[in-house]
C-alpha atoms as a PDB file:
ATOM      1  CA  MET A   1      -6.308   9.133 -17.510  1.00  0.00           C
ATOM      2  CA  LYS A   2      -3.489   9.950 -20.077  1.00  0.00           C
ATOM      3  CA  THR A   3      -0.940   9.404 -17.917  1.00  0.00           C
ATOM      4  CA  ILE A   4      -2.229   5.995 -16.829  1.00  0.00           C
ATOM      5  CA  GLU A   5      -2.289   5.078 -20.936  1.00  0.00           C
ATOM      6  CA  MET A   6       1.315   6.274 -21.462  1.00  0.00           C
ATOM      7  CA  GLN A   7       2.646   4.670 -18.349  1.00  0.00           C
ATOM      8  CA  ASN A   8       0.849   1.235 -19.941  1.00  0.00           C
ATOM      9  CA  LYS A   9       2.323   1.848 -23.234  1.00  0.00           C
ATOM     10  CA  LYS A  10       6.262   2.731 -22.189  1.00  0.00           C
ATOM     11  CA  GLY A  11       6.033  -0.492 -19.417  1.00  0.00           C
ATOM     12  CA  ASN A  12       3.528  -2.908 -21.436  1.00  0.00           C
ATOM     13  CA  THR A  13       2.074  -3.785 -18.009  1.00  0.00           C
ATOM     14  CA  ASP A  14       0.165  -6.615 -18.069  1.00  0.00           C
ATOM     15  CA  PHE A  15      -2.413  -7.037 -14.478  1.00  0.00           C
ATOM     16  CA  GLU A  16      -4.138  -9.964 -16.554  1.00  0.00           C
ATOM     17  CA  PRO A  17      -2.497 -12.576 -14.146  1.00  0.00           C
ATOM     18  CA  PHE A  18      -2.743 -10.124 -11.492  1.00  0.00           C
ATOM     19  CA  TYR A  19      -6.828 -10.101 -11.796  1.00  0.00           C
ATOM     20  CA  LYS A  20      -7.283 -13.489 -12.882  1.00  0.00           C
ATOM     21  CA  VAL A  21      -5.814 -15.054  -8.853  1.00  0.00           C
ATOM     22  CA  VAL A  22      -8.038 -12.153  -7.414  1.00  0.00           C
ATOM     23  CA  GLU A  23     -10.987 -13.413  -9.247  1.00  0.00           C
ATOM     24  CA  ALA A  24     -10.409 -16.589  -8.295  1.00  0.00           C
ATOM     25  CA  GLN A  25      -9.103 -16.709  -5.352  1.00  0.00           C
ATOM     26  CA  PRO A  26      -9.827 -13.982  -2.969  1.00  0.00           C
ATOM     27  CA  HIS A  27      -7.893 -14.733   0.078  1.00  0.00           C
ATOM     28  CA  LYS A  28      -4.154 -14.256  -2.133  1.00  0.00           C
ATOM     29  CA  LEU A  29      -4.532 -10.451  -2.062  1.00  0.00           C
ATOM     30  CA  GLU A  30      -5.280 -10.684   1.479  1.00  0.00           C
ATOM     31  CA  GLU A  31      -2.179 -13.085   1.966  1.00  0.00           C
ATOM     32  CA  ALA A  32      -0.385 -10.697  -0.712  1.00  0.00           C
ATOM     33  CA  SER A  33      -1.093  -7.412   1.600  1.00  0.00           C
ATOM     34  CA  GLU A  34       0.156  -9.160   4.489  1.00  0.00           C
ATOM     35  CA  VAL A  35       3.210  -9.663   3.440  1.00  0.00           C
ATOM     36  CA  LEU A  36       3.507  -6.035   2.237  1.00  0.00           C
ATOM     37  CA  LEU A  37       2.431  -5.044   5.603  1.00  0.00           C
ATOM     38  CA  GLU A  38       5.324  -7.460   7.434  1.00  0.00           C
ATOM     39  CA  MET A  39       7.962  -5.658   5.084  1.00  0.00           C
ATOM     40  CA  VAL A  40       7.146  -2.221   5.633  1.00  0.00           C
ATOM     41  CA  THR A  41       6.684  -2.619   9.658  1.00  0.00           C
ATOM     42  CA  SER A  42      10.677  -4.327   9.505  1.00  0.00           C
ATOM     43  CA  ASP A  43      12.144  -3.208   6.908  1.00  0.00           C
ATOM     44  CA  PRO A  44      13.073   1.195   7.194  1.00  0.00           C
ATOM     45  CA  GLU A  45      14.252   1.398   3.550  1.00  0.00           C
ATOM     46  CA  SER A  46      10.598  -1.304   2.723  1.00  0.00           C
ATOM     47  CA  THR A  47       8.833   1.523   4.996  1.00  0.00           C
ATOM     48  CA  LYS A  48      10.344   4.839   2.834  1.00  0.00           C
ATOM     49  CA  ASN A  49       9.660   2.853  -0.341  1.00  0.00           C
ATOM     50  CA  VAL A  50       6.105   2.345  -0.123  1.00  0.00           C
ATOM     51  CA  ALA A  51       5.172   5.802   1.236  1.00  0.00           C
ATOM     52  CA  HIS A  52       7.070   7.111  -1.160  1.00  0.00           C
ATOM     53  CA  LEU A  53       4.838   5.540  -3.392  1.00  0.00           C
ATOM     54  CA  ILE A  54       1.462   5.826  -2.030  1.00  0.00           C
ATOM     55  CA  LYS A  55       2.392   9.561  -1.782  1.00  0.00           C
ATOM     56  CA  GLU A  56       3.381  10.249  -5.344  1.00  0.00           C
ATOM     57  CA  ASN A  57       0.385   7.798  -6.959  1.00  0.00           C
ATOM     58  CA  TYR A  58      -2.286   7.410  -3.729  1.00  0.00           C
ATOM     59  CA  PRO A  59      -2.419  11.019  -2.828  1.00  0.00           C
ATOM     60  CA  ASP A  60      -6.119  10.677  -1.173  1.00  0.00           C
ATOM     61  CA  LEU A  61      -4.768   7.173   0.480  1.00  0.00           C
ATOM     62  CA  TYR A  62      -1.848   9.107   1.937  1.00  0.00           C
ATOM     63  CA  LYS A  63      -3.968  11.739   3.618  1.00  0.00           C
ATOM     64  CA  ALA A  64      -5.901   9.304   4.856  1.00  0.00           C
ATOM     65  CA  ILE A  65      -2.641   7.850   6.778  1.00  0.00           C
ATOM     66  CA  THR A  66      -1.586  10.295   7.956  1.00  0.00           C
ATOM     67  CA  ALA A  67      -4.028  11.885   9.426  1.00  0.00           C
ATOM     68  CA  LEU A  68      -4.333   8.864  11.693  1.00  0.00           C
ATOM     69  CA  ASP A  69      -1.544  10.346  13.013  1.00  0.00           C
ATOM     70  CA  GLU A  70      -3.634  13.499  14.305  1.00  0.00           C
ATOM     71  CA  THR A  71      -5.949  11.118  15.868  1.00  0.00           C
ATOM     72  CA  LYS A  72      -6.202  11.774  19.800  1.00  0.00           C
ATOM     73  CA  ASP A  73      -7.486   7.548  19.797  1.00  0.00           C
ATOM     74  CA  ASN A  74      -3.771   4.790  19.711  1.00  0.00           C
ATOM     75  CA  GLY A  75      -4.797   3.432  22.494  1.00  0.00           C
ATOM     76  CA  ASN A  76      -5.029   0.173  20.157  1.00  0.00           C
ATOM     77  CA  LEU A  77      -2.051   0.374  18.293  1.00  0.00           C
ATOM     78  CA  PRO A  78       1.655  -1.451  18.511  1.00  0.00           C
ATOM     79  CA  SER A  79       3.999   0.099  20.305  1.00  0.00           C
ATOM     80  CA  CYS A  80       5.763   0.827  16.896  1.00  0.00           C
ATOM     81  CA  CYS A  81       2.733   2.700  15.447  1.00  0.00           C
ATOM     82  CA  GLY A  82       2.072   4.712  18.381  1.00  0.00           C
ATOM     83  CA  GLY A  83       0.736   2.900  20.916  1.00  0.00           C
ATOM     84  CA  HIS A  84       2.256   2.489  24.338  1.00  0.00           C
END
């Protein structure tokens, strides 16, 4: 909690515009997620940056994603993601 408070004081990050858009137009978050997914799947540097961000800041999410690789049911995934 203190880390987040310190980061907010340092960067003075204002999330209010983000929250307003998500509340008023929830589909915008879905669109943004699609853009992010496209960037991650098409640009190796973006993939590396997002992986690092997730690993460092969201360890539970990182563990869940890496656990997907350990599952044996990759039949529904496109070839780029472990399917055949």
